[in-house]
């Protein structure tokens, strides 16, 4: 099976109403990454010093050596930045989710106690704040297990949320495989939580952010000063707040780091942003675990048809009749590169239409001639497919007067004699009168024009039929 694993569809044009508590227009969720003491350092058994997310421009790892400046910048985050952020958020009465690196938490008992006393959620940020992209699968699985063990030992309870950050291609699957996480956040692909089928297990994903994130104080393109950060957060919030009023409420994630936004010249931007959102009604500021609990209760995973995961026989059985009496179209469509984006009416319709459009003229003519005459003898004898029966009935073609039936019969005969295929129209777009008007308007067209129009109508009929089966 030629299948594409990436999901480019998401919720599509109709995302669900999250129904945030209290009818909130937007959920604003603050994450504080606690990495200080878990970064690359020869004291931690690593081969080199850290080089990521600091105030040192163009930092590079020092192989086999301690990088005193880098270490001291990380230490600032634990010694000063954390407490400045702790004061800001506890005074604002906004709870945080901590992405805690297990080894960093183990080296910061006073900060861990402060997190717990404040009622903050302590989720897992992995065992060490290191790169995972080249880590063998077995080694990463063991690191995940050790992160959970150490976290539980240090905090007193196991983590229910997970975010690696510097992840591998296996991370999400391995964390879902562990089975004990209410959510995983190693994605940046949506404004709402969603369920991921991971090897048959429904795993909740709560997407995170790399743009509404103070890490851009240390990366390019980034923030040059606190006002840039504040303005970006304000604009993002204002847009989401407006959408929550006129469209569907969403979620805004904000990523923070003790050693970055914990500096005096940067944290004022965060304080201004908190003042801004607290001046608005209908803003929910939860911990991530509260979002997970709410989503699981309000929007539990839904099971439905998943065309991209069907075996060929099931796929053809389900969609072989979408194009009238032409299962070969579904057979060919099954061989395409199908993926999650095709698990909807628009997706299957696109796949089927591609095979119809790329077929020979003779094959397409066969599809046209497979369609019954409107209100013709097959309809009168009750020998239409169930789909055609319902479609013709929807336009009142099963309730014709003798005069109307005689007119349709005459037009049908004339049309077929002239063009070589039945008059085809997506009757669900019409009523009886407009069908008759279209019949009389189109009957005098040349064959090429009508062949093209009939094919377009066949695709439209298929679209309606698929909407009856899929979202």
Protein backbone atom coordinates (compact mmCIF):
# COMPACT_ATOMS: atom_id res chain seq x y z
CA UNK A 1 0.00 0.00 0.00
CA UNK A 2 1.33 3.39 -1.02
CA UNK A 3 0.51 5.47 2.04
CA UNK A 4 1.63 8.92 3.25
CA UNK A 5 1.86 9.18 7.02
CA UNK A 6 1.88 12.97 7.48
CA UNK A 7 -1.49 14.56 8.28
CA UNK A 8 -1.94 17.71 6.19
CA UNK A 9 -5.69 17.92 6.87
CA UNK A 10 -6.14 18.33 10.60
CA UNK A 11 -9.58 19.60 11.49
CA UNK A 12 -10.06 21.16 8.07
CA UNK A 13 -12.31 24.16 7.61
CA UNK A 14 -14.61 23.22 10.50
CA UNK A 15 -12.58 22.81 13.71
CA UNK A 16 -14.55 21.66 16.76
CA UNK A 17 -15.79 24.05 19.39
CA UNK A 18 -13.52 23.27 22.35
CA UNK A 19 -16.23 24.43 24.77
CA UNK A 20 -13.67 25.85 27.14
CA UNK A 21 -14.85 26.16 30.76
CA UNK A 22 -16.95 29.24 31.43
CA UNK A 23 -17.45 29.80 27.72
CA UNK A 24 -13.93 31.21 27.39
CA UNK A 25 -13.05 32.70 24.02
CA UNK A 26 -9.45 31.55 24.20
CA UNK A 27 -7.30 29.33 26.39
CA UNK A 28 -3.91 30.93 27.10
CA UNK A 29 -1.45 28.38 28.40
CA UNK A 30 1.98 29.29 29.80
CA UNK A 31 4.81 26.76 29.82
CA UNK A 32 8.03 27.28 31.76
CA UNK A 33 10.85 25.03 30.56
CA UNK A 34 13.09 24.03 33.47
CA UNK A 35 16.32 22.80 31.87
CA UNK A 36 19.01 24.31 34.09
CA UNK A 37 21.20 21.51 35.39
CA UNK A 38 20.08 19.09 32.70
CA UNK A 39 21.96 20.61 29.77
CA UNK A 40 25.07 19.21 28.07
CA UNK A 41 27.98 19.42 30.52
CA UNK A 42 31.00 17.21 31.13
CA UNK A 43 29.97 17.16 34.81
CA UNK A 44 26.82 15.32 33.65
CA UNK A 45 28.79 12.73 31.74
CA UNK A 46 28.41 14.47 28.38
CA UNK A 47 31.18 14.71 25.79
CA UNK A 48 30.97 18.49 25.45
CA UNK A 49 29.43 21.67 26.82
CA UNK A 50 26.03 23.10 25.86
CA UNK A 51 25.62 25.43 22.85
CA UNK A 52 21.84 25.87 22.59
CA UNK A 53 19.54 28.67 23.76
CA UNK A 54 21.81 31.04 25.59
CA UNK A 55 22.83 34.69 25.35
CA UNK A 56 26.21 33.77 23.83
CA UNK A 57 26.08 34.64 20.10
CA UNK A 58 27.29 31.81 17.87
CA UNK A 59 27.99 29.52 20.82
CA UNK A 60 29.77 26.26 20.01
CA UNK A 61 30.31 23.16 22.10
CA UNK A 62 33.61 22.78 23.89
CA UNK A 63 34.62 19.17 23.45
CA UNK A 64 35.67 17.54 26.72
CA UNK A 65 35.71 20.86 28.59
CA UNK A 66 33.48 22.85 30.88
CA UNK A 67 32.23 26.09 29.35
CA UNK A 68 32.21 28.40 32.35
CA UNK A 69 30.23 31.20 30.67
CA UNK A 70 27.60 28.82 29.34
CA UNK A 71 27.20 27.11 32.68
CA UNK A 72 26.80 30.43 34.48
CA UNK A 73 24.07 31.57 32.07
CA UNK A 74 22.11 28.39 32.78
CA UNK A 75 22.76 28.87 36.48
CA UNK A 76 21.24 32.35 36.27
CA UNK A 77 18.01 30.73 35.17
CA UNK A 78 17.88 28.54 38.26
CA UNK A 79 19.27 31.05 40.77
CA UNK A 80 17.45 34.24 39.71
CA UNK A 81 15.27 33.86 36.63
CA UNK A 82 13.08 31.11 38.07
CA UNK A 83 12.25 33.10 41.19
CA UNK A 84 11.45 36.24 39.23
CA UNK A 85 9.00 34.22 37.11
CA UNK A 86 7.64 32.50 40.22
CA UNK A 87 6.80 35.87 41.77
CA UNK A 88 5.21 37.17 38.57
CA UNK A 89 2.89 34.21 38.01
CA UNK A 90 1.92 33.56 41.61
CA UNK A 91 1.02 37.23 42.05
CA UNK A 92 -1.03 37.10 38.84
CA UNK A 93 -2.68 33.88 40.09
CA UNK A 94 -1.87 32.10 36.81
CA UNK A 95 -0.76 28.46 37.17
CA UNK A 96 2.06 27.17 34.98
CA UNK A 97 2.94 23.91 33.36
CA UNK A 98 6.59 23.14 33.95
CA UNK A 99 8.42 21.16 31.30
CA UNK A 100 10.92 19.74 33.74
CA UNK A 101 14.06 17.93 32.65
CA UNK A 102 14.24 15.12 35.20
CA UNK A 103 17.97 15.49 35.91
CA UNK A 104 17.56 19.27 36.23
CA UNK A 105 14.68 18.84 38.70
CA UNK A 106 16.83 16.47 40.74
CA UNK A 107 19.46 19.21 41.08
CA UNK A 108 16.91 21.89 42.11
CA UNK A 109 14.92 20.65 45.12
CA UNK A 110 13.98 24.13 46.37
CA UNK A 111 12.55 25.13 42.99
CA UNK A 112 10.63 21.85 42.76
CA UNK A 113 9.04 22.50 46.14
CA UNK A 114 8.06 26.00 45.03
CA UNK A 115 6.45 24.58 41.90
CA UNK A 116 4.46 22.11 43.97
CA UNK A 117 3.46 24.70 46.57
CA UNK A 118 2.14 26.93 43.77
CA UNK A 119 0.02 24.09 42.39
CA UNK A 120 1.86 24.07 39.09
CA UNK A 121 1.86 21.02 36.86
CA UNK A 122 5.28 19.41 36.46
CA UNK A 123 5.35 17.61 33.13
CA UNK A 124 8.36 15.75 31.76
CA UNK A 125 10.92 17.38 29.49
CA UNK A 126 12.95 14.20 29.20
CA UNK A 127 15.86 12.84 31.17
CA UNK A 128 18.48 15.33 29.94
CA UNK A 129 18.30 18.51 27.86
CA UNK A 130 20.24 16.99 24.97
CA UNK A 131 19.74 16.21 21.29
CA UNK A 132 17.81 13.00 20.51
CA UNK A 133 17.82 12.96 16.71
CA UNK A 134 20.66 10.41 16.42
CA UNK A 135 19.77 8.43 19.53
CA UNK A 136 19.13 4.73 18.78
CA UNK A 137 15.53 3.69 19.42
CA UNK A 138 16.38 1.32 22.25
CA UNK A 139 18.49 3.97 23.96
CA UNK A 140 15.75 6.57 23.68
CA UNK A 141 13.14 4.15 25.03
CA UNK A 142 15.39 3.50 28.02
CA UNK A 143 15.92 7.26 28.52
CA UNK A 144 12.15 7.82 28.55
CA UNK A 145 11.72 5.12 31.18
CA UNK A 146 14.51 6.56 33.30
CA UNK A 147 13.08 10.09 32.97
CA UNK A 148 9.75 8.84 34.33
CA UNK A 149 11.44 6.93 37.15
CA UNK A 150 13.64 9.85 38.24
CA UNK A 151 10.82 12.39 37.86
CA UNK A 152 8.54 10.28 40.05
CA UNK A 153 11.28 9.91 42.66
CA UNK A 154 12.06 13.64 42.75
CA UNK A 155 8.56 15.10 42.43
CA UNK A 156 6.56 12.44 44.24
CA UNK A 157 4.25 11.58 41.34
CA UNK A 158 4.79 10.48 37.76
CA UNK A 159 4.47 13.03 34.94
CA UNK A 160 1.25 12.99 32.92
CA UNK A 161 2.50 15.29 30.17
CA UNK A 162 5.57 14.97 27.95
CA UNK A 163 7.64 17.29 25.76
CA UNK A 164 11.13 16.38 24.57
CA UNK A 165 11.79 19.38 22.35
CA UNK A 166 15.04 18.18 20.81
CA UNK A 167 13.28 15.00 19.72
CA UNK A 168 13.91 12.19 17.25
CA UNK A 169 11.65 10.73 14.58
CA UNK A 170 10.70 8.03 17.11
CA UNK A 171 9.95 10.18 20.16
CA UNK A 172 6.17 10.60 19.91
CA UNK A 173 5.64 6.94 19.09
CA UNK A 174 7.87 5.79 21.95
CA UNK A 175 6.23 8.08 24.50
CA UNK A 176 2.74 7.02 23.37
CA UNK A 177 3.90 3.40 23.58
CA UNK A 178 4.75 3.92 27.26
CA UNK A 179 1.02 4.32 27.80
CA UNK A 180 0.87 6.52 30.88
CA UNK A 181 0.73 10.04 29.43
CA UNK A 182 -2.46 12.09 29.28
CA UNK A 183 -0.87 14.18 26.52
CA UNK A 184 2.25 14.64 24.42
CA UNK A 185 3.34 18.06 23.13
CA UNK A 186 6.13 17.31 20.64
CA UNK A 187 4.20 18.88 17.76
CA UNK A 188 3.57 22.43 16.54
CA UNK A 189 0.83 21.66 14.02
CA UNK A 190 -2.46 23.03 15.34
CA UNK A 191 -4.26 25.58 17.50
CA UNK A 192 -6.27 22.86 19.25
CA UNK A 193 -5.57 19.48 20.84
CA UNK A 194 -6.26 16.39 18.76
CA UNK A 195 -6.16 12.61 19.00
CA UNK A 196 -3.36 10.67 17.32
CA UNK A 197 -3.75 6.99 16.52
CA UNK A 198 -0.36 5.63 17.53
CA UNK A 199 -0.17 1.92 16.73
CA UNK A 200 -3.81 1.48 17.69
CA UNK A 201 -3.68 3.64 20.83
CA UNK A 202 -5.53 6.95 20.99
CA UNK A 203 -2.98 9.45 22.25
CA UNK A 204 -3.95 13.05 22.97
CA UNK A 205 -1.65 15.64 21.42
CA UNK A 206 -1.57 19.19 22.80
CA UNK A 207 0.56 21.14 20.31
CA UNK A 208 3.27 23.45 21.59
CA UNK A 209 4.89 26.54 20.05
CA UNK A 210 8.29 27.67 18.84
CA UNK A 211 7.09 31.12 17.74
CA UNK A 212 5.23 32.52 20.77
CA UNK A 213 8.34 31.50 22.62
CA UNK A 214 11.10 33.42 24.36
CA UNK A 215 13.67 31.10 22.73
CA UNK A 216 13.66 33.64 19.92
CA UNK A 217 15.68 35.93 22.17
CA UNK A 218 18.48 33.42 21.54
CA UNK A 219 17.82 32.36 17.92
CA UNK A 220 17.47 34.04 14.55
CA UNK A 221 15.08 35.33 13.41
CA UNK A 222 14.31 36.48 16.89
CA UNK A 223 13.34 39.21 19.30
CA UNK A 224 15.71 42.15 19.58
CA UNK A 225 14.09 43.44 22.76
CA UNK A 226 11.17 42.82 25.07
CA UNK A 227 8.81 45.06 23.11
CA UNK A 228 9.10 42.78 20.07
CA UNK A 229 8.12 39.82 22.22
CA UNK A 230 5.22 41.68 23.84
CA UNK A 231 3.88 42.92 20.51
CA UNK A 232 3.97 39.45 18.98
CA UNK A 233 2.18 37.90 21.96
CA UNK A 234 -0.39 40.70 22.00
CA UNK A 235 -1.13 40.39 18.27
CA UNK A 236 -1.45 36.62 18.51
CA UNK A 237 -3.78 36.89 21.50
CA UNK A 238 -5.92 39.61 19.92
CA UNK A 239 -6.39 37.54 16.76
CA UNK A 240 -7.32 34.41 18.68
CA UNK A 241 -9.64 36.39 20.96
CA UNK A 242 -11.41 37.77 17.90
CA UNK A 243 -11.70 34.29 16.38
CA UNK A 244 -13.15 33.05 19.65
CA UNK A 245 -15.90 35.63 19.25
CA UNK A 246 -16.67 35.24 15.55
CA UNK A 247 -15.50 31.71 14.68
CA UNK A 248 -14.27 28.94 16.97
CA UNK A 249 -12.29 29.38 20.22
CA UNK A 250 -8.68 28.21 20.08
CA UNK A 251 -5.67 27.70 22.33
CA UNK A 252 -2.58 29.87 22.64
CA UNK A 253 0.62 28.31 23.95
CA UNK A 254 3.46 30.49 25.26
CA UNK A 255 6.91 28.99 25.85
CA UNK A 256 9.26 30.44 28.45
CA UNK A 257 12.75 29.71 29.81
CA UNK A 258 14.12 30.76 33.18
CA UNK A 259 17.48 31.94 31.81
CA UNK A 260 15.91 33.93 28.95
CA UNK A 261 12.71 35.76 29.87
CA UNK A 262 13.76 35.62 33.52
CA UNK A 263 16.12 38.53 32.81
CA UNK A 264 14.83 41.96 33.97
CA UNK A 265 14.96 43.53 30.53
CA UNK A 266 12.82 40.76 29.02
CA UNK A 267 10.34 39.88 31.73
CA UNK A 268 8.67 43.31 31.60
CA UNK A 269 7.26 42.29 28.20
CA UNK A 270 5.70 39.22 29.81
CA UNK A 271 4.26 41.30 32.64
CA UNK A 272 2.67 43.69 30.13
CA UNK A 273 1.17 40.77 28.25
CA UNK A 274 -0.33 39.29 31.41
CA UNK A 275 -1.86 42.69 32.22
CA UNK A 276 -3.27 42.78 28.69
CA UNK A 277 -5.01 39.41 28.81
CA UNK A 278 -6.31 39.96 32.34
CA UNK A 279 -8.08 43.08 31.08
CA UNK A 280 -10.24 40.84 28.87
CA UNK A 281 -13.26 38.75 29.83
CA UNK A 282 -13.47 35.13 28.77
CA UNK A 283 -9.80 34.16 29.00
CA UNK A 284 -8.96 30.78 30.52
CA UNK A 285 -5.39 30.27 31.78
CA UNK A 286 -5.12 26.57 32.65
CA UNK A 287 -2.31 24.14 33.14
CA UNK A 288 -1.82 21.76 30.24
CA UNK A 289 -3.12 18.80 32.24
CA UNK A 290 -6.41 20.68 32.68
CA UNK A 291 -6.66 21.12 28.92
CA UNK A 292 -6.01 17.40 28.54
CA UNK A 293 -8.68 16.45 31.07
CA UNK A 294 -11.18 18.83 29.49
CA UNK A 295 -10.52 17.60 25.97
CA UNK A 296 -10.76 13.93 26.94
CA UNK A 297 -14.17 14.53 28.53
CA UNK A 298 -15.55 16.97 25.96
CA UNK A 299 -14.03 15.56 22.77
CA UNK A 300 -13.18 11.88 23.29
CA UNK A 301 -11.61 10.06 20.34
CA UNK A 302 -14.05 9.28 17.55
CA UNK A 303 -13.99 6.16 15.43
CA UNK A 304 -15.14 6.37 11.82
CA UNK A 305 -14.24 5.31 8.32
CA UNK A 306 -10.53 5.75 7.61
CA UNK A 307 -10.10 5.13 3.89
CA UNK A 308 -6.32 5.42 3.98
CA UNK A 309 -6.15 2.47 6.38
CA UNK A 310 -8.55 0.18 4.54
CA UNK A 311 -7.48 -2.96 2.76
CA UNK A 312 -8.24 -2.98 -0.94
CA UNK A 313 -11.34 -5.16 -0.77
CA UNK A 314 -12.95 -2.94 1.88
CA UNK A 315 -11.99 0.23 0.02
CA UNK A 316 -13.53 -0.97 -3.25
CA UNK A 317 -16.62 -2.31 -1.50
CA UNK A 318 -17.15 1.01 0.26
CA UNK A 319 -16.39 3.37 -2.62
CA UNK A 320 -16.83 1.23 -5.72
CA UNK A 321 -20.34 2.52 -6.31
CA UNK A 322 -19.59 6.21 -5.89
CA UNK A 323 -19.13 6.44 -9.64
CA UNK A 324 -22.14 4.58 -10.99
CA UNK A 325 -21.37 0.90 -11.67
CA UNK A 326 -17.66 1.70 -12.08
CA UNK A 327 -15.66 -0.02 -9.29
CA UNK A 328 -12.49 0.18 -11.42
CA UNK A 329 -12.16 3.83 -10.40
CA UNK A 330 -11.95 2.88 -6.70
CA UNK A 331 -9.55 0.05 -7.54
CA UNK A 332 -7.17 2.47 -9.21
CA UNK A 333 -7.60 5.15 -6.53
CA UNK A 334 -6.56 2.65 -3.87
CA UNK A 335 -3.10 2.51 -5.45
CA UNK A 336 -2.52 6.26 -5.02
CA UNK A 337 -0.46 7.80 -2.22
CA UNK A 338 -3.31 8.03 0.26
CA UNK A 339 -2.92 9.37 3.78
CA UNK A 340 -4.86 11.02 6.64
CA UNK A 341 -5.76 13.90 4.30
CA UNK A 342 -7.89 11.41 2.35
CA UNK A 343 -9.89 10.27 5.36
CA UNK A 344 -12.70 12.66 4.50
CA UNK A 345 -15.20 13.22 1.70
CA UNK A 346 -12.99 15.76 -0.06
CA UNK A 347 -9.98 13.44 0.15
CA UNK A 348 -11.61 10.35 -1.32
CA UNK A 349 -13.41 12.49 -3.89
CA UNK A 350 -10.11 13.92 -5.06
CA UNK A 351 -8.56 10.46 -5.35
CA UNK A 352 -11.50 9.01 -7.27
CA UNK A 353 -11.74 12.02 -9.58
CA UNK A 354 -8.04 11.81 -10.39
CA UNK A 355 -8.57 8.28 -11.69
CA UNK A 356 -11.70 9.28 -13.59
CA UNK A 357 -10.00 12.28 -15.19
CA UNK A 358 -6.91 10.32 -16.18
CA UNK A 359 -8.94 7.48 -17.73
CA UNK A 360 -9.35 7.15 -21.47
CA UNK A 361 -12.30 8.79 -23.19
CA UNK A 362 -13.75 5.35 -23.83
CA UNK A 363 -13.57 4.49 -20.11
CA UNK A 364 -15.17 7.77 -19.13
CA UNK A 365 -17.89 7.19 -21.69
CA UNK A 366 -18.53 3.87 -19.99
CA UNK A 367 -19.10 5.71 -16.70
CA UNK A 368 -21.53 8.09 -18.40
CA UNK A 369 -23.51 5.31 -20.05
CA UNK A 370 -23.70 3.47 -16.70
CA UNK A 371 -25.93 6.25 -15.42
CA UNK A 372 -29.69 5.77 -15.77
CA UNK A 373 -32.03 8.09 -17.64
CA UNK A 374 -33.71 10.64 -15.42
CA UNK A 375 -37.18 9.33 -14.53
CA UNK A 376 -36.67 6.64 -17.18
CA UNK A 377 -37.73 3.02 -17.45
CA UNK A 378 -35.29 1.78 -14.82
CA UNK A 379 -36.71 4.22 -12.31
CA UNK A 380 -40.24 3.22 -13.15
CA UNK A 381 -39.33 -0.45 -12.74
CA UNK A 382 -37.57 0.20 -9.42
CA UNK A 383 -34.22 -1.02 -10.75
CA UNK A 384 -32.02 1.99 -9.93
CA UNK A 385 -29.14 1.76 -7.45
CA UNK A 386 -30.10 2.90 -3.98
CA UNK A 387 -28.05 6.08 -4.47
CA UNK A 388 -29.77 6.96 -7.76
CA UNK A 389 -33.20 6.18 -6.31
CA UNK A 390 -32.66 8.55 -3.38
CA UNK A 391 -31.16 11.25 -5.59
CA UNK A 392 -34.02 11.24 -8.08
CA UNK A 393 -36.56 11.19 -5.27
CA UNK A 394 -34.88 14.20 -3.63
CA UNK A 395 -35.82 16.30 -6.67
CA UNK A 396 -39.34 14.89 -6.94
CA UNK A 397 -38.61 12.80 -10.03
CA UNK A 398 -40.45 9.86 -8.48
CA UNK A 399 -43.64 11.92 -8.37
CA UNK A 400 -44.13 13.01 -12.00
CA UNK A 401 -47.41 13.67 -13.71
CA UNK A 402 -48.11 11.72 -16.89
CA UNK A 403 -47.31 14.82 -18.92
CA UNK A 404 -43.99 15.37 -17.12
CA UNK A 405 -43.02 11.74 -17.54
CA UNK A 406 -43.79 11.90 -21.24
CA UNK A 407 -41.65 15.05 -21.59
CA UNK A 408 -38.70 13.48 -19.78
CA UNK A 409 -38.98 10.35 -21.94
CA UNK A 410 -38.96 12.42 -25.13
CA UNK A 411 -36.01 14.53 -24.00
CA UNK A 412 -34.09 11.47 -22.82
CA UNK A 413 -34.48 9.74 -26.15
CA UNK A 414 -33.48 12.82 -28.14
CA UNK A 415 -30.44 13.51 -25.92
CA UNK A 416 -29.11 9.93 -26.04
CA UNK A 417 -29.61 9.72 -29.79
CA UNK A 418 -27.66 12.95 -30.29
CA UNK A 419 -24.83 12.53 -27.76
CA UNK A 420 -24.54 8.79 -27.16
CA UNK A 421 -24.93 8.91 -23.37
CA UNK A 422 -27.73 9.82 -20.91
CA UNK A 423 -28.43 13.33 -19.72
CA UNK A 424 -26.60 13.56 -16.39
CA UNK A 425 -27.14 16.21 -13.75
CA UNK A 426 -26.49 16.36 -10.02
CA UNK A 427 -30.14 16.45 -9.05
CA UNK A 428 -29.38 17.41 -5.44
CA UNK A 429 -28.39 20.84 -6.74
CA UNK A 430 -31.84 21.26 -8.32
CA UNK A 431 -35.55 20.87 -8.14
CA UNK A 432 -37.82 19.40 -10.81
CA UNK A 433 -38.30 22.71 -12.62
CA UNK A 434 -34.61 23.62 -12.80
CA UNK A 435 -33.72 20.11 -13.98
CA UNK A 436 -36.20 20.45 -16.82
CA UNK A 437 -34.82 23.89 -17.70
CA UNK A 438 -31.25 22.56 -17.75
CA UNK A 439 -32.34 19.62 -19.90
CA UNK A 440 -33.88 21.90 -22.50
CA UNK A 441 -30.90 24.29 -22.39
CA UNK A 442 -28.22 21.63 -22.77
CA UNK A 443 -29.83 19.32 -25.30
CA UNK A 444 -28.74 21.49 -28.24
CA UNK A 445 -25.07 21.68 -27.17
CA UNK A 446 -22.47 19.90 -29.29
CA UNK A 447 -21.26 16.50 -28.10
CA UNK A 448 -17.84 17.69 -26.88
CA UNK A 449 -19.43 20.36 -24.71
CA UNK A 450 -21.93 17.91 -23.29
CA UNK A 451 -19.31 15.22 -22.70
CA UNK A 452 -17.30 17.68 -20.62
CA UNK A 453 -20.38 18.85 -18.73
CA UNK A 454 -21.60 15.30 -18.10
CA UNK A 455 -18.22 14.38 -16.63
CA UNK A 456 -18.38 17.44 -14.37
CA UNK A 457 -21.84 16.42 -13.20
CA UNK A 458 -20.67 12.86 -12.51
CA UNK A 459 -17.96 14.25 -10.24
CA UNK A 460 -20.53 16.42 -8.50
CA UNK A 461 -22.80 13.42 -7.92
CA UNK A 462 -19.83 11.53 -6.47
CA UNK A 463 -19.15 14.43 -4.13
CA UNK A 464 -22.68 14.28 -2.73
CA UNK A 465 -22.49 10.52 -2.28
CA UNK A 466 -19.22 10.73 -0.40
CA UNK A 467 -20.56 13.40 1.92
CA UNK A 468 -23.19 10.86 2.97
CA UNK A 469 -20.43 8.49 4.06
CA UNK A 470 -17.62 10.69 5.35
CA UNK A 471 -17.09 14.00 7.15
